[in-house]
Amino acid sequence: MKTLLNILWHIPPFLGFVSAGLAWLLGLLLTITIIAAPIGLGLMEYGKFLFWPYGNKMVSRDSLGEKQNPFWKAYSTLILILYLPLGIILAIIAAVQSVGLLFTIIGIPEGIVVIKSLGTYINPVNKKCVPSDNL
């Protein structure tokens, strides 16, 4: 069933691969700038999630128990504070998109994908895409 939903996610009118590709490329661009690397790495993971949203989940690295450099963590927090206004605007746009998807029967599973990722729109810093089976 997950495979069928992942295939449905990529065909018109949903074009999930476009969202995934744009998120991944934006993440790559931000990572190359080095200054916005915490956001860029999170967006690259989010792009990976959007390529195969069914069967994957976005989780915080802290909840996985991964150790992080304290300086990287402090820098990530500072960058997150600067990104937060843009993240809130993106989350509102995504929420409106998900409501539109939920109005159609075939769009309900796709709307759920967008709803699952609202937290990542607000805070992509230190997020990781993991298979749902591993949680």
N, C-alpha and C. Protein backbone atom coordinates (compact mmCIF):
# COMPACT_ATOMS: atom_id res chain seq x y z
N MET A 1 0.82 -1.20 0.00
CA MET A 1 0.00 0.00 0.00
C MET A 1 0.87 1.27 0.00
N LYS A 2 1.98 1.21 0.77
CA LYS A 2 2.87 2.37 0.81
C LYS A 2 3.43 2.68 -0.57
N THR A 3 3.76 1.64 -1.31
CA THR A 3 4.31 1.84 -2.65
C THR A 3 3.29 2.50 -3.57
N LEU A 4 2.06 2.05 -3.49
CA LEU A 4 0.99 2.64 -4.31
C LEU A 4 0.80 4.12 -3.96
N LEU A 5 0.78 4.43 -2.67
CA LEU A 5 0.62 5.83 -2.25
C LEU A 5 1.81 6.68 -2.67
N ASN A 6 3.03 6.12 -2.58
CA ASN A 6 4.21 6.86 -3.03
C ASN A 6 4.15 7.14 -4.52
N ILE A 7 3.67 6.19 -5.31
CA ILE A 7 3.52 6.41 -6.75
C ILE A 7 2.46 7.47 -7.02
N LEU A 8 1.35 7.39 -6.31
CA LEU A 8 0.27 8.38 -6.46
C LEU A 8 0.77 9.78 -6.11
N TRP A 9 1.65 9.88 -5.12
CA TRP A 9 2.20 11.16 -4.68
C TRP A 9 2.96 11.86 -5.81
N HIS A 10 3.54 11.10 -6.73
CA HIS A 10 4.38 11.68 -7.77
C HIS A 10 3.67 11.98 -9.08
N ILE A 11 2.43 11.54 -9.26
CA ILE A 11 1.73 11.79 -10.53
C ILE A 11 0.91 13.06 -10.44
N PRO A 12 0.56 13.66 -11.58
CA PRO A 12 -0.29 14.84 -11.56
C PRO A 12 -1.63 14.50 -10.95
N PRO A 13 -2.28 15.36 -10.25
CA PRO A 13 -2.00 16.78 -10.05
C PRO A 13 -1.13 17.08 -8.84
N PHE A 14 -0.58 16.07 -8.18
CA PHE A 14 0.13 16.31 -6.93
C PHE A 14 1.60 16.67 -7.14
N LEU A 15 2.26 16.02 -8.10
CA LEU A 15 3.64 16.34 -8.46
C LEU A 15 4.56 16.43 -7.24
N GLY A 16 4.55 15.40 -6.43
CA GLY A 16 5.37 15.37 -5.23
C GLY A 16 6.85 15.47 -5.52
N PHE A 17 7.28 14.96 -6.68
CA PHE A 17 8.70 15.03 -7.01
C PHE A 17 9.15 16.46 -7.21
N VAL A 18 8.24 17.35 -7.63
CA VAL A 18 8.60 18.76 -7.81
C VAL A 18 8.87 19.39 -6.44
N SER A 19 7.97 19.15 -5.49
CA SER A 19 8.17 19.67 -4.13
C SER A 19 9.44 19.10 -3.52
N ALA A 20 9.65 17.80 -3.71
CA ALA A 20 10.84 17.15 -3.16
C ALA A 20 12.11 17.72 -3.77
N GLY A 21 12.12 17.86 -5.08
CA GLY A 21 13.29 18.38 -5.76
C GLY A 21 13.60 19.81 -5.38
N LEU A 22 12.57 20.64 -5.28
CA LEU A 22 12.78 22.03 -4.89
C LEU A 22 13.29 22.14 -3.46
N ALA A 23 12.73 21.35 -2.55
CA ALA A 23 13.19 21.37 -1.16
C ALA A 23 14.64 20.92 -1.08
N TRP A 24 14.99 19.86 -1.81
CA TRP A 24 16.34 19.34 -1.77
C TRP A 24 17.33 20.33 -2.38
N LEU A 25 16.98 20.93 -3.52
CA LEU A 25 17.88 21.90 -4.16
C LEU A 25 18.04 23.17 -3.32
N LEU A 26 16.96 23.63 -2.70
CA LEU A 26 17.07 24.79 -1.81
C LEU A 26 17.97 24.45 -0.62
N GLY A 27 17.81 23.25 -0.09
CA GLY A 27 18.67 22.81 1.00
C GLY A 27 20.12 22.75 0.59
N LEU A 28 20.38 22.25 -0.62
CA LEU A 28 21.75 22.20 -1.13
C LEU A 28 22.33 23.60 -1.27
N LEU A 29 21.55 24.52 -1.81
CA LEU A 29 22.00 25.90 -1.98
C LEU A 29 22.31 26.54 -0.62
N LEU A 30 21.45 26.34 0.36
CA LEU A 30 21.68 26.91 1.69
C LEU A 30 22.88 26.26 2.37
N THR A 31 23.10 24.98 2.13
CA THR A 31 24.25 24.31 2.72
C THR A 31 25.55 24.82 2.10
N ILE A 32 25.53 25.11 0.82
CA ILE A 32 26.73 25.63 0.14
C ILE A 32 27.11 26.99 0.71
N THR A 33 26.14 27.78 1.14
CA THR A 33 26.46 29.10 1.70
C THR A 33 27.15 29.00 3.05
N ILE A 34 27.15 27.88 3.67
CA ILE A 34 27.76 27.55 4.96
C ILE A 34 27.06 28.28 6.10
N ILE A 35 26.70 29.53 5.93
CA ILE A 35 26.04 30.28 7.00
C ILE A 35 24.69 29.67 7.35
N ALA A 36 23.94 29.26 6.35
CA ALA A 36 22.61 28.68 6.57
C ALA A 36 22.64 27.15 6.51
N ALA A 37 23.80 26.55 6.78
CA ALA A 37 23.94 25.10 6.69
C ALA A 37 22.96 24.33 7.58
N PRO A 38 22.67 24.76 8.81
CA PRO A 38 21.71 23.99 9.61
C PRO A 38 20.33 23.88 8.95
N ILE A 39 19.88 24.96 8.34
CA ILE A 39 18.60 24.94 7.64
C ILE A 39 18.72 24.11 6.36
N GLY A 40 19.82 24.28 5.65
CA GLY A 40 20.03 23.55 4.40
C GLY A 40 20.05 22.05 4.61
N LEU A 41 20.74 21.59 5.64
CA LEU A 41 20.79 20.15 5.90
C LEU A 41 19.40 19.61 6.26
N GLY A 42 18.64 20.40 7.03
CA GLY A 42 17.28 19.98 7.36
C GLY A 42 16.38 19.93 6.14
N LEU A 43 16.54 20.89 5.24
CA LEU A 43 15.72 20.90 4.03
C LEU A 43 16.10 19.77 3.08
N MET A 44 17.37 19.40 3.06
CA MET A 44 17.77 18.26 2.24
C MET A 44 17.14 16.97 2.78
N GLU A 45 17.10 16.83 4.09
CA GLU A 45 16.43 15.67 4.69
C GLU A 45 14.93 15.71 4.40
N TYR A 46 14.36 16.91 4.41
CA TYR A 46 12.94 17.06 4.11
C TYR A 46 12.66 16.70 2.65
N GLY A 47 13.55 17.09 1.75
CA GLY A 47 13.42 16.70 0.35
C GLY A 47 13.47 15.19 0.19
N LYS A 48 14.35 14.55 0.95
CA LYS A 48 14.42 13.09 0.93
C LYS A 48 13.11 12.48 1.42
N PHE A 49 12.53 13.09 2.45
CA PHE A 49 11.23 12.63 2.96
C PHE A 49 10.15 12.77 1.89
N LEU A 50 10.15 13.89 1.18
CA LEU A 50 9.11 14.12 0.17
C LEU A 50 9.25 13.21 -1.05
N PHE A 51 10.43 12.67 -1.31
CA PHE A 51 10.55 11.73 -2.42
C PHE A 51 9.78 10.45 -2.12
N TRP A 52 9.78 9.99 -0.88
CA TRP A 52 9.05 8.77 -0.48
C TRP A 52 8.38 9.03 0.87
N PRO A 53 7.29 9.81 0.91
CA PRO A 53 6.70 10.22 2.18
C PRO A 53 6.01 9.10 2.95
N TYR A 54 5.53 8.09 2.25
CA TYR A 54 4.83 7.01 2.94
C TYR A 54 5.85 5.97 3.36
N GLY A 55 5.91 5.72 4.65
CA GLY A 55 6.90 4.79 5.18
C GLY A 55 8.09 5.50 5.79
N ASN A 56 8.15 6.82 5.69
CA ASN A 56 9.21 7.62 6.30
C ASN A 56 8.60 8.63 7.26
N LYS A 57 9.45 9.15 8.13
CA LYS A 57 8.99 10.13 9.11
C LYS A 57 10.13 11.11 9.38
N MET A 58 9.79 12.35 9.63
CA MET A 58 10.78 13.36 10.00
C MET A 58 10.83 13.44 11.52
N VAL A 59 12.02 13.23 12.08
CA VAL A 59 12.18 13.28 13.53
C VAL A 59 13.39 14.15 13.86
N SER A 60 13.41 14.63 15.09
CA SER A 60 14.53 15.43 15.56
C SER A 60 15.71 14.51 15.86
N ARG A 61 16.90 15.00 15.61
CA ARG A 61 18.10 14.20 15.90
C ARG A 61 18.21 13.94 17.40
N ASP A 62 17.70 14.85 18.23
CA ASP A 62 17.74 14.65 19.67
C ASP A 62 16.92 13.42 20.08
N SER A 63 15.78 13.22 19.43
CA SER A 63 14.95 12.07 19.78
C SER A 63 15.57 10.75 19.32
N LEU A 64 16.52 10.82 18.39
CA LEU A 64 17.24 9.62 17.95
C LEU A 64 18.42 9.31 18.86
N GLY A 65 18.75 10.24 19.75
CA GLY A 65 19.86 10.03 20.66
C GLY A 65 21.22 10.32 20.05
N GLU A 66 21.25 11.05 18.94
CA GLU A 66 22.52 11.39 18.30
C GLU A 66 23.21 12.52 19.07
N LYS A 67 24.49 12.36 19.30
CA LYS A 67 25.28 13.39 19.97
C LYS A 67 25.66 14.46 18.96
N GLN A 68 25.61 15.72 19.42
CA GLN A 68 25.97 16.83 18.54
C GLN A 68 26.97 17.73 19.24
N ASN A 69 27.79 18.37 18.45
CA ASN A 69 28.73 19.34 18.96
C ASN A 69 27.95 20.48 19.60
N PRO A 70 28.30 20.91 20.83
CA PRO A 70 27.55 21.99 21.47
C PRO A 70 27.60 23.31 20.70
N PHE A 71 28.71 23.58 20.01
CA PHE A 71 28.80 24.81 19.22
C PHE A 71 27.84 24.75 18.03
N TRP A 72 27.75 23.58 17.38
CA TRP A 72 26.83 23.41 16.25
C TRP A 72 25.39 23.56 16.74
N LYS A 73 25.11 23.03 17.91
CA LYS A 73 23.75 23.12 18.45
C LYS A 73 23.39 24.57 18.76
N ALA A 74 24.33 25.33 19.34
CA ALA A 74 24.08 26.74 19.65
C ALA A 74 23.91 27.55 18.36
N TYR A 75 24.76 27.29 17.38
CA TYR A 75 24.67 27.99 16.10
C TYR A 75 23.35 27.66 15.40
N SER A 76 22.94 26.40 15.46
CA SER A 76 21.67 25.99 14.86
C SER A 76 20.50 26.71 15.50
N THR A 77 20.56 26.88 16.82
CA THR A 77 19.48 27.58 17.52
C THR A 77 19.42 29.04 17.07
N LEU A 78 20.57 29.68 16.93
CA LEU A 78 20.60 31.07 16.46
C LEU A 78 20.03 31.19 15.05
N ILE A 79 20.42 30.30 14.16
CA ILE A 79 19.91 30.32 12.79
C ILE A 79 18.41 30.05 12.78
N LEU A 80 17.95 29.15 13.65
CA LEU A 80 16.51 28.85 13.72
C LEU A 80 15.71 30.09 14.12
N ILE A 81 16.22 30.87 15.05
CA ILE A 81 15.53 32.09 15.48
C ILE A 81 15.38 33.05 14.30
N LEU A 82 16.41 33.15 13.48
CA LEU A 82 16.34 34.03 12.31
C LEU A 82 15.40 33.48 11.24
N TYR A 83 15.31 32.15 11.13
CA TYR A 83 14.49 31.50 10.11
C TYR A 83 13.01 31.43 10.51
N LEU A 84 12.71 31.50 11.78
CA LEU A 84 11.36 31.24 12.29
C LEU A 84 10.26 32.05 11.62
N PRO A 85 10.39 33.36 11.39
CA PRO A 85 9.30 34.08 10.70
C PRO A 85 9.00 33.52 9.31
N LEU A 86 10.03 33.19 8.54
CA LEU A 86 9.82 32.59 7.23
C LEU A 86 9.20 31.20 7.37
N GLY A 87 9.64 30.44 8.35
CA GLY A 87 9.09 29.11 8.57
C GLY A 87 7.62 29.13 8.91
N ILE A 88 7.19 30.11 9.68
CA ILE A 88 5.77 30.22 10.03
C ILE A 88 4.95 30.55 8.78
N ILE A 89 5.45 31.44 7.95
CA ILE A 89 4.74 31.77 6.70
C ILE A 89 4.63 30.54 5.80
N LEU A 90 5.73 29.79 5.67
CA LEU A 90 5.70 28.57 4.85
C LEU A 90 4.73 27.53 5.42
N ALA A 91 4.66 27.43 6.74
CA ALA A 91 3.74 26.48 7.36
C ALA A 91 2.29 26.88 7.12
N ILE A 92 2.00 28.16 7.14
CA ILE A 92 0.63 28.62 6.86
C ILE A 92 0.26 28.30 5.41
N ILE A 93 1.18 28.55 4.48
CA ILE A 93 0.92 28.22 3.08
C ILE A 93 0.69 26.72 2.91
N ALA A 94 1.50 25.91 3.58
CA ALA A 94 1.34 24.45 3.49
C ALA A 94 0.03 24.00 4.12
N ALA A 95 -0.40 24.66 5.20
CA ALA A 95 -1.68 24.30 5.82
C ALA A 95 -2.84 24.59 4.88
N VAL A 96 -2.78 25.71 4.18
CA VAL A 96 -3.82 26.03 3.19
C VAL A 96 -3.80 25.00 2.06
N GLN A 97 -2.61 24.62 1.62
CA GLN A 97 -2.48 23.60 0.59
C GLN A 97 -3.09 22.27 1.05
N SER A 98 -2.84 21.90 2.29
CA SER A 98 -3.37 20.62 2.79
C SER A 98 -4.89 20.65 2.88
N VAL A 99 -5.46 21.79 3.25
CA VAL A 99 -6.93 21.90 3.29
C VAL A 99 -7.49 21.71 1.89
N GLY A 100 -6.86 22.31 0.90
CA GLY A 100 -7.30 22.13 -0.48
C GLY A 100 -7.22 20.68 -0.93
N LEU A 101 -6.16 20.00 -0.52
CA LEU A 101 -6.02 18.59 -0.89
C LEU A 101 -7.07 17.72 -0.19
N LEU A 102 -7.42 18.07 1.03
CA LEU A 102 -8.38 17.26 1.78
C LEU A 102 -9.80 17.38 1.24
N PHE A 103 -10.07 18.35 0.38
CA PHE A 103 -11.40 18.49 -0.21
C PHE A 103 -11.68 17.45 -1.29
N THR A 104 -10.64 16.83 -1.82
CA THR A 104 -10.84 15.81 -2.84
C THR A 104 -10.58 14.43 -2.23
N ILE A 105 -11.29 13.44 -2.69
CA ILE A 105 -11.12 12.10 -2.13
C ILE A 105 -9.72 11.56 -2.42
N ILE A 106 -9.25 11.73 -3.63
CA ILE A 106 -7.92 11.21 -3.98
C ILE A 106 -6.81 12.04 -3.33
N GLY A 107 -7.12 13.26 -2.92
CA GLY A 107 -6.12 14.12 -2.30
C GLY A 107 -5.98 13.95 -0.80
N ILE A 108 -6.85 13.16 -0.18
CA ILE A 108 -6.79 13.00 1.28
C ILE A 108 -5.44 12.44 1.73
N PRO A 109 -4.93 11.34 1.14
CA PRO A 109 -3.61 10.85 1.58
C PRO A 109 -2.50 11.88 1.34
N GLU A 110 -2.63 12.63 0.27
CA GLU A 110 -1.61 13.64 -0.04
C GLU A 110 -1.68 14.80 0.96
N GLY A 111 -2.88 15.18 1.35
CA GLY A 111 -3.04 16.22 2.36
C GLY A 111 -2.45 15.80 3.69
N ILE A 112 -2.55 14.52 4.00
CA ILE A 112 -1.98 14.01 5.25
C ILE A 112 -0.46 14.12 5.23
N VAL A 113 0.16 13.90 4.07
CA VAL A 113 1.61 14.06 3.95
C VAL A 113 2.01 15.49 4.27
N VAL A 114 1.27 16.44 3.73
CA VAL A 114 1.59 17.86 3.96
C VAL A 114 1.38 18.20 5.44
N ILE A 115 0.32 17.67 6.04
CA ILE A 115 0.06 17.94 7.45
C ILE A 115 1.17 17.34 8.32
N LYS A 116 1.65 16.14 7.96
CA LYS A 116 2.73 15.51 8.73
C LYS A 116 4.01 16.34 8.70
N SER A 117 4.18 17.14 7.67
CA SER A 117 5.43 17.87 7.53
C SER A 117 5.34 19.33 7.96
N LEU A 118 4.25 19.75 8.55
CA LEU A 118 4.13 21.16 8.97
C LEU A 118 5.21 21.53 9.99
N GLY A 119 5.52 20.64 10.90
CA GLY A 119 6.55 20.92 11.90
C GLY A 119 7.92 21.12 11.27
N THR A 120 8.18 20.44 10.18
CA THR A 120 9.46 20.59 9.50
C THR A 120 9.52 21.92 8.76
N TYR A 121 8.39 22.40 8.27
CA TYR A 121 8.38 23.73 7.64
C TYR A 121 8.78 24.79 8.66
N ILE A 122 8.26 24.68 9.87
CA ILE A 122 8.56 25.67 10.91
C ILE A 122 9.99 25.52 11.40
N ASN A 123 10.45 24.28 11.60
CA ASN A 123 11.77 24.05 12.16
C ASN A 123 12.48 22.91 11.44
N PRO A 124 13.19 23.20 10.35
CA PRO A 124 13.92 22.13 9.65
C PRO A 124 15.28 21.81 10.28
N VAL A 125 15.69 22.59 11.26
CA VAL A 125 17.02 22.43 11.85
C VAL A 125 17.08 21.14 12.67
N ASN A 126 18.13 20.37 12.44
CA ASN A 126 18.39 19.11 13.16
C ASN A 126 17.30 18.07 12.97
N LYS A 127 16.64 18.07 11.83
CA LYS A 127 15.65 17.04 11.51
C LYS A 127 16.29 15.97 10.64
N LYS A 128 15.76 14.76 10.74
CA LYS A 128 16.28 13.65 9.95
C LYS A 128 15.13 12.80 9.45
N CYS A 129 15.23 12.33 8.22
CA CYS A 129 14.24 11.44 7.62
C CYS A 129 14.63 10.00 7.95
N VAL A 130 13.74 9.30 8.64
CA VAL A 130 14.00 7.90 9.00
C VAL A 130 12.81 7.05 8.59
N PRO A 131 13.05 5.78 8.29
CA PRO A 131 11.93 4.89 7.98
C PRO A 131 11.03 4.72 9.20
N SER A 132 9.73 4.71 8.98
CA SER A 132 8.78 4.58 10.08
C SER A 132 8.93 3.25 10.80
N ASP A 133 9.41 2.24 10.10
CA ASP A 133 9.57 0.92 10.71
C ASP A 133 10.64 0.92 11.80
N ASN A 134 11.60 1.84 11.72
CA ASN A 134 12.70 1.89 12.69
C ASN A 134 12.32 2.60 13.98
N LEU A 135 11.15 3.20 14.05
CA LEU A 135 10.78 3.95 15.25
C LEU A 135 10.01 3.11 16.21
